[in-house]
Protein backbone atom coordinates (compact mmCIF):
# COMPACT_ATOMS: atom_id res chain seq x y z
CA MET A 1 12.92 4.51 4.80
CA ASP A 2 11.32 6.89 6.06
CA GLN A 3 8.00 6.91 4.22
CA PHE A 4 8.47 10.48 2.99
CA ASP A 5 11.70 8.87 0.65
CA LEU A 6 9.25 6.08 -0.10
CA ASN A 7 6.52 8.70 -1.49
CA ASP A 8 8.86 10.76 -3.31
CA ASN A 9 10.30 7.40 -4.83
CA VAL A 10 6.94 6.16 -6.28
CA ILE A 11 6.67 9.89 -7.49
CA LYS A 12 9.57 10.39 -9.32
CA ARG A 13 9.30 7.04 -10.78
CA LEU A 14 5.85 7.23 -12.31
CA GLY A 15 7.35 10.98 -13.95
CA LEU A 16 5.03 12.49 -11.54
CA GLU A 17 6.95 15.19 -10.34
CA THR A 18 4.73 17.75 -12.09
CA LEU A 19 1.57 17.25 -10.76
CA PRO A 20 -0.07 19.47 -8.70
CA GLU A 21 0.51 18.40 -4.69
CA ALA A 22 -3.34 17.88 -4.12
CA GLU A 23 -3.16 15.04 -7.37
CA ARG A 24 0.00 13.61 -6.12
CA VAL A 25 -1.64 13.13 -2.76
CA LYS A 26 -4.52 11.96 -4.42
CA MET A 27 -2.87 8.83 -6.15
CA LEU A 28 -0.73 7.98 -3.33
CA GLU A 29 -3.88 7.40 -1.30
CA GLN A 30 -5.48 5.39 -4.19
CA VAL A 31 -2.40 3.45 -4.23
CA THR A 32 -1.91 2.85 -0.31
CA ASP A 33 -6.37 1.77 -0.99
CA ILE A 34 -4.71 -0.88 -3.09
CA VAL A 35 -2.43 -2.17 -0.94
CA ILE A 36 -4.79 -2.54 1.90
CA GLU A 37 -7.06 -4.06 -0.11
CA ARG A 38 -4.96 -6.78 -1.39
CA LEU A 39 -3.47 -7.17 2.15
CA MET A 40 -7.08 -7.45 3.63
CA LEU A 41 -8.05 -10.48 0.55
CA ARG A 42 -4.53 -12.15 1.77
CA LEU A 43 -5.47 -12.28 5.23
CA MET A 44 -9.05 -13.34 5.51
CA GLU A 45 -8.02 -16.44 3.61
CA ASN A 46 -6.64 -17.25 7.10
CA LEU A 47 -7.98 -15.52 10.06
CA PRO A 48 -11.31 -17.19 11.67
CA ASP A 49 -14.92 -15.85 10.46
CA ASP A 50 -15.20 -13.58 13.45
CA ASP A 51 -11.95 -11.96 12.91
CA VAL A 52 -13.03 -11.35 9.11
CA THR A 53 -16.29 -9.70 10.60
CA ALA A 54 -14.36 -7.56 12.59
CA ALA A 55 -11.92 -6.21 10.24
CA ASN A 56 -13.80 -5.25 7.82
CA ALA A 57 -15.82 -3.14 10.16
CA LEU A 58 -12.42 -1.19 10.80
CA VAL A 59 -11.60 -0.55 6.59
CA GLY A 60 -12.36 2.50 7.11
CA GLN A 61 -10.12 3.66 9.88
CA PRO A 62 -7.03 2.00 8.47
CA GLU A 63 -4.42 2.75 11.95
CA GLU A 64 -7.18 1.01 14.04
CA LEU A 65 -7.50 -1.83 11.08
CA ILE A 66 -3.84 -2.39 11.62
CA ALA A 67 -3.55 -2.42 15.27
CA PHE A 68 -6.22 -5.00 15.17
CA LEU A 69 -4.80 -6.83 12.97
CA SER A 70 -1.20 -6.46 14.79
CA GLY A 71 -2.85 -8.43 17.36
CA LYS A 72 -4.00 -11.44 15.36
CA VAL A 73 -1.22 -11.48 12.78
CA ALA A 74 2.41 -12.04 13.74
CA ASP A 75 4.25 -11.51 10.36
CA LEU A 76 1.62 -8.50 9.76
CA GLY A 77 4.63 -5.75 8.99
CA THR A 78 6.19 -8.88 6.77
CA LEU A 79 3.43 -9.12 4.97
CA LEU A 80 2.37 -5.72 4.23
CA ASP A 81 5.99 -4.78 2.89
CA GLU A 82 5.71 -7.83 0.30
CA GLU A 83 2.17 -6.39 -0.73
CA ILE A 84 3.67 -1.93 -0.94
CA ALA A 85 6.93 -4.24 -3.30
CA ALA A 86 4.51 -5.73 -5.27
CA VAL A 87 2.48 -2.87 -6.16
CA LYS A 88 5.67 -0.90 -6.68
CA MET A 89 6.90 -3.20 -9.14
CA GLU A 90 3.40 -3.86 -10.99
CA LEU A 91 3.08 -0.07 -11.26
CA PHE A 92 6.83 0.36 -12.73
CA ALA A 93 6.42 -2.24 -14.98
CA ALA A 94 3.82 -0.81 -16.41
CA VAL A 95 5.21 2.97 -16.68
CA GLY A 96 8.72 1.38 -17.83
CA GLU A 97 12.46 1.48 -17.90
CA PRO A 98 12.94 6.08 -17.50
CA GLU A 99 14.93 7.70 -19.73
CA ILE A 100 18.58 7.34 -18.99
CA LYS A 101 19.37 11.49 -19.65
CA VAL A 102 23.02 11.82 -20.83
């Protein structure tokens, strides 16, 4: 799925279409930060201390962090997908089911 489709899906599902663009971007950045933090916590349980230190040094640089972790964790993409799905489910549960317009 295209990243833009994913973002649109989340925005629509949460009922945020009417927010100004800057606020939608900020909200999506915050959701991304949550996903990355959760993924990092999950990975830290299994990485050696040296790798944890190196990963922590890259936290403010998401592209470099993902590249580093990709070399250390074989199933990083699967773990990332699992965290994205979990965060989306929690967000969607918090807003409830959308109204069906007739």
